[in-house]
C-alpha atoms as a PDB file:
ATOM      1  CA  MET A   1      96.477 134.939  82.924  1.00  0.00           C
ATOM      2  CA  ASN A   2      98.992 132.422  81.507  1.00  0.00           C
ATOM      3  CA  PHE A   3      97.674 128.943  81.786  1.00  0.00           C
ATOM      4  CA  LYS A   4     100.804 127.417  80.373  1.00  0.00           C
ATOM      5  CA  ASN A   5     102.522 127.999  83.650  1.00  0.00           C
ATOM      6  CA  TRP A   6     100.078 125.549  85.238  1.00  0.00           C
ATOM      7  CA  PHE A   7     101.772 122.674  83.364  1.00  0.00           C
ATOM      8  CA  LYS A   8     105.454 123.663  83.720  1.00  0.00           C
ATOM      9  CA  PRO A   9     107.439 121.789  86.475  1.00  0.00           C
ATOM     10  CA  PHE A  10     108.641 123.730  89.463  1.00  0.00           C
ATOM     11  CA  GLN A  11     106.818 126.982  88.313  1.00  0.00           C
ATOM     12  CA  GLU A  12     105.863 129.397  90.999  1.00  0.00           C
ATOM     13  CA  LEU A  13     102.201 130.389  90.975  1.00  0.00           C
ATOM     14  CA  LYS A  14     100.245 133.145  92.550  1.00  0.00           C
ATOM     15  CA  ASN A  15      97.766 132.277  95.217  1.00  0.00           C
ATOM     16  CA  ASN A  16      94.718 132.902  92.973  1.00  0.00           C
ATOM     17  CA  HIS A  17      96.164 130.583  90.302  1.00  0.00           C
ATOM     18  CA  ARG A  18      96.539 127.871  92.978  1.00  0.00           C
ATOM     19  CA  LEU A  19      93.004 128.461  94.186  1.00  0.00           C
ATOM     20  CA  MET A  20      91.750 128.211  90.492  1.00  0.00           C
ATOM     21  CA  ILE A  21      93.552 124.896  90.098  1.00  0.00           C
ATOM     22  CA  ILE A  22      92.046 123.503  93.358  1.00  0.00           C
ATOM     23  CA  ALA A  23      88.590 124.577  92.112  1.00  0.00           C
ATOM     24  CA  CYS A  24      89.151 122.910  88.709  1.00  0.00           C
ATOM     25  CA  TRP A  25      90.009 119.660  90.438  1.00  0.00           C
ATOM     26  CA  VAL A  26      87.065 119.862  92.819  1.00  0.00           C
ATOM     27  CA  VAL A  27      84.688 120.613  89.894  1.00  0.00           C
ATOM     28  CA  MET A  28      86.242 117.743  87.920  1.00  0.00           C
ATOM     29  CA  VAL A  29      85.879 115.275  90.807  1.00  0.00           C
ATOM     30  CA  PHE A  30      82.281 116.227  91.402  1.00  0.00           C
ATOM     31  CA  ALA A  31      81.421 116.051  87.683  1.00  0.00           C
ATOM     32  CA  TRP A  32      82.936 112.631  87.499  1.00  0.00           C
ATOM     33  CA  TRP A  33      80.988 111.690  90.621  1.00  0.00           C
ATOM     34  CA  PHE A  34      77.627 112.940  89.068  1.00  0.00           C
ATOM     35  CA  ILE A  35      78.263 111.410  85.631  1.00  0.00           C
ATOM     36  CA  GLY A  36      79.571 108.075  87.079  1.00  0.00           C
ATOM     37  CA  THR A  37      76.433 107.581  89.206  1.00  0.00           C
ATOM     38  CA  SER A  38      73.828 108.669  86.651  1.00  0.00           C
ATOM     39  CA  GLY A  39      73.176 105.269  85.051  1.00  0.00           C
ATOM     40  CA  GLU A  40      70.950 102.392  86.452  1.00  0.00           C
ATOM     41  CA  LYS A  41      73.923 100.493  87.937  1.00  0.00           C
ATOM     42  CA  SER A  42      76.810 102.347  89.550  1.00  0.00           C
ATOM     43  CA  LEU A  43      79.706 101.437  91.770  1.00  0.00           C
ATOM     44  CA  LEU A  44      79.499 104.580  93.860  1.00  0.00           C
ATOM     45  CA  PRO A  45      76.464 106.013  95.689  1.00  0.00           C
ATOM     46  CA  THR A  46      74.845 109.102  94.251  1.00  0.00           C
ATOM     47  CA  PRO A  47      75.717 112.390  96.048  1.00  0.00           C
ATOM     48  CA  GLY A  48      72.152 112.549  97.329  1.00  0.00           C
ATOM     49  CA  LYS A  49      72.469 109.162  98.987  1.00  0.00           C
ATOM     50  CA  VAL A  50      75.744 110.150 100.505  1.00  0.00           C
ATOM     51  CA  LEU A  51      74.250 113.358 102.037  1.00  0.00           C
ATOM     52  CA  GLU A  52      71.273 111.387 103.373  1.00  0.00           C
ATOM     53  CA  GLY A  53      73.683 108.745 104.916  1.00  0.00           C
ATOM     54  CA  MET A  54      75.786 111.531 106.448  1.00  0.00           C
ATOM     55  CA  GLN A  55      72.802 113.157 107.881  1.00  0.00           C
ATOM     56  CA  SER A  56      71.499 109.963 109.531  1.00  0.00           C
ATOM     57  CA  LEU A  57      75.012 109.211 110.820  1.00  0.00           C
ATOM     58  CA  TRP A  58      75.274 112.639 112.291  1.00  0.00           C
ATOM     59  CA  ASN A  59      71.916 112.226 113.955  1.00  0.00           C
ATOM     60  CA  GLU A  60      73.043 108.972 115.449  1.00  0.00           C
ATOM     61  CA  GLY A  61      76.165 110.495 117.163  1.00  0.00           C
ATOM     62  CA  LEU A  62      78.877 110.641 114.430  1.00  0.00           C
ATOM     63  CA  ALA A  63      80.581 113.511 116.140  1.00  0.00           C
ATOM     64  CA  SER A  64      81.041 111.760 119.489  1.00  0.00           C
ATOM     65  CA  HIS A  65      82.359 108.606 117.765  1.00  0.00           C
ATOM     66  CA  ILE A  66      84.871 110.730 115.743  1.00  0.00           C
ATOM     67  CA  VAL A  67      86.070 112.581 118.876  1.00  0.00           C
ATOM     68  CA  SER A  68      86.538 109.280 120.766  1.00  0.00           C
ATOM     69  CA  SER A  69      88.347 107.757 117.796  1.00  0.00           C
ATOM     70  CA  LEU A  70      90.687 110.703 117.583  1.00  0.00           C
ATOM     71  CA  GLY A  71      91.446 110.739 121.378  1.00  0.00           C
ATOM     72  CA  LEU A  72      92.125 107.020 121.083  1.00  0.00           C
ATOM     73  CA  CYS A  73      94.517 107.561 118.222  1.00  0.00           C
ATOM     74  CA  LEU A  74      96.256 110.452 120.002  1.00  0.00           C
ATOM     75  CA  GLN A  75      96.669 108.400 123.122  1.00  0.00           C
ATOM     76  CA  ALA A  76      97.999 105.436 121.233  1.00  0.00           C
ATOM     77  CA  THR A  77     100.329 107.535 119.154  1.00  0.00           C
ATOM     78  CA  LEU A  78     101.767 109.229 122.145  1.00  0.00           C
ATOM     79  CA  ILE A  79     102.439 105.910 123.885  1.00  0.00           C
ATOM     80  CA  SER A  80     104.068 104.536 120.718  1.00  0.00           C
ATOM     81  CA  ILE A  81     106.273 107.588 120.242  1.00  0.00           C
ATOM     82  CA  VAL A  82     107.608 107.133 123.767  1.00  0.00           C
ATOM     83  CA  ILE A  83     108.160 103.447 123.205  1.00  0.00           C
ATOM     84  CA  SER A  84     109.833 103.889 119.862  1.00  0.00           C
ATOM     85  CA  LEU A  85     111.952 106.780 121.111  1.00  0.00           C
ATOM     86  CA  ALA A  86     113.075 104.552 124.018  1.00  0.00           C
ATOM     87  CA  ILE A  87     113.981 101.689 121.759  1.00  0.00           C
ATOM     88  CA  ALA A  88     115.742 104.053 119.189  1.00  0.00           C
ATOM     89  CA  TYR A  89     117.853 105.725 121.802  1.00  0.00           C
ATOM     90  CA  LEU A  90     118.702 102.412 123.564  1.00  0.00           C
ATOM     91  CA  SER A  91     119.486 100.465 120.390  1.00  0.00           C
ATOM     92  CA  PRO A  92     123.307 101.019 120.677  1.00  0.00           C
ATOM     93  CA  VAL A  93     123.160  99.148 124.081  1.00  0.00           C
ATOM     94  CA  PRO A  94     124.071  95.567 123.429  1.00  0.00           C
ATOM     95  CA  PHE A  95     121.223  94.190 125.561  1.00  0.00           C
ATOM     96  CA  VAL A  96     118.582  96.233 123.573  1.00  0.00           C
ATOM     97  CA  LYS A  97     120.100  95.761 120.085  1.00  0.00           C
ATOM     98  CA  PRO A  98     118.517  92.345 119.291  1.00  0.00           C
ATOM     99  CA  LEU A  99     115.036  93.812 120.001  1.00  0.00           C
ATOM    100  CA  ALA A 100     115.787  96.848 117.870  1.00  0.00           C
ATOM    101  CA  ASN A 101     116.944  94.662 114.969  1.00  0.00           C
ATOM    102  CA  PHE A 102     113.831  92.483 115.354  1.00  0.00           C
ATOM    103  CA  LEU A 103     111.578  95.515 115.226  1.00  0.00           C
ATOM    104  CA  SER A 104     113.312  96.894 112.141  1.00  0.00           C
ATOM    105  CA  GLN A 105     112.786  93.576 110.417  1.00  0.00           C
ATOM    106  CA  LEU A 106     108.987  93.721 110.934  1.00  0.00           C
ATOM    107  CA  ARG A 107     108.729  96.555 108.515  1.00  0.00           C
ATOM    108  CA  TYR A 108     108.667  93.799 105.728  1.00  0.00           C
ATOM    109  CA  LEU A 109     105.790  92.032 107.390  1.00  0.00           C
ATOM    110  CA  PRO A 110     102.416  93.052 106.028  1.00  0.00           C
ATOM    111  CA  LEU A 111     100.233  94.602 108.646  1.00  0.00           C
ATOM    112  CA  THR A 112      97.002  93.030 107.341  1.00  0.00           C
ATOM    113  CA  GLY A 113      97.877  89.546 108.471  1.00  0.00           C
ATOM    114  CA  ILE A 114      98.937  90.739 111.865  1.00  0.00           C
ATOM    115  CA  THR A 115      95.911  92.936 112.232  1.00  0.00           C
ATOM    116  CA  PHE A 116      93.635  89.889 111.604  1.00  0.00           C
ATOM    117  CA  TYR A 117      95.343  87.722 114.272  1.00  0.00           C
ATOM    118  CA  LEU A 118      95.195  90.643 116.740  1.00  0.00           C
ATOM    119  CA  ALA A 119      91.527  90.954 116.023  1.00  0.00           C
ATOM    120  CA  MET A 120      90.984  87.258 116.585  1.00  0.00           C
ATOM    121  CA  ILE A 121      92.855  87.443 119.966  1.00  0.00           C
ATOM    122  CA  VAL A 122      90.918  90.540 121.238  1.00  0.00           C
ATOM    123  CA  SER A 123      87.219  90.289 121.044  1.00  0.00           C
ATOM    124  CA  MET A 124      86.390  93.902 121.962  1.00  0.00           C
ATOM    125  CA  PRO A 125      86.967  96.406 119.123  1.00  0.00           C
ATOM    126  CA  GLU A 126      88.336  99.314 121.117  1.00  0.00           C
ATOM    127  CA  PRO A 127      91.151  97.386 122.762  1.00  0.00           C
ATOM    128  CA  CYS A 128      91.902  95.870 119.311  1.00  0.00           C
ATOM    129  CA  ARG A 129      92.372  99.298 117.791  1.00  0.00           C
ATOM    130  CA  PHE A 130      94.290 100.519 120.779  1.00  0.00           C
ATOM    131  CA  GLY A 131      96.514  97.335 120.632  1.00  0.00           C
ATOM    132  CA  TYR A 132      97.062  97.820 117.010  1.00  0.00           C
ATOM    133  CA  TRP A 133      98.242 101.422 117.505  1.00  0.00           C
ATOM    134  CA  CYS A 134     100.458 100.631 120.419  1.00  0.00           C
ATOM    135  CA  ILE A 135     102.098  97.665 118.620  1.00  0.00           C
ATOM    136  CA  TYR A 136     102.659  99.000 115.182  1.00  0.00           C
ATOM    137  CA  GLU A 137     103.178 102.674 115.748  1.00  0.00           C
ATOM    138  CA  PRO A 138     106.370 102.115 117.655  1.00  0.00           C
ATOM    139  CA  ILE A 139     107.621 100.083 114.777  1.00  0.00           C
ATOM    140  CA  PHE A 140     106.808 102.862 112.351  1.00  0.00           C
ATOM    141  CA  HIS A 141     108.397 105.571 114.585  1.00  0.00           C
ATOM    142  CA  TYR A 142     111.402 103.502 115.397  1.00  0.00           C
ATOM    143  CA  LEU A 143     112.063 102.934 111.735  1.00  0.00           C
ATOM    144  CA  PHE A 144     111.961 106.707 110.948  1.00  0.00           C
ATOM    145  CA  VAL A 145     113.608 107.968 114.222  1.00  0.00           C
ATOM    146  CA  GLY A 146     116.504 105.507 114.708  1.00  0.00           C
ATOM    147  CA  GLY A 147     116.136 102.460 112.313  1.00  0.00           C
END
């Protein structure tokens, strides 16, 4: 076993070597986590507290919330893909070109500020998340499809 190949750029490794590298990283992360949370004060919660929290969240219905969030994200992503493809393919049309140019300029606008204003306008969290996805996903897809 030649460990020097692990550190050479563009080196092809066998699958068992890749698994060993992944295992090393996982062990290092968990070791850092255990060592970093062993003192009196720590920034991160201990692994035991995380497991307790995950257990209580699971008992409160975490799975149903995850499924509903994934469904909402999928729905918003599909809508945004349709909108962005329509804008991208219609961008050569002179009537649609100003809209396409405006959307391409929005990539320089930080999303944190816009998300705050969107949250202020919409008081319910689910429409807010859905609106965020429907507004900003088309911009993202347009920039990578036809921008």
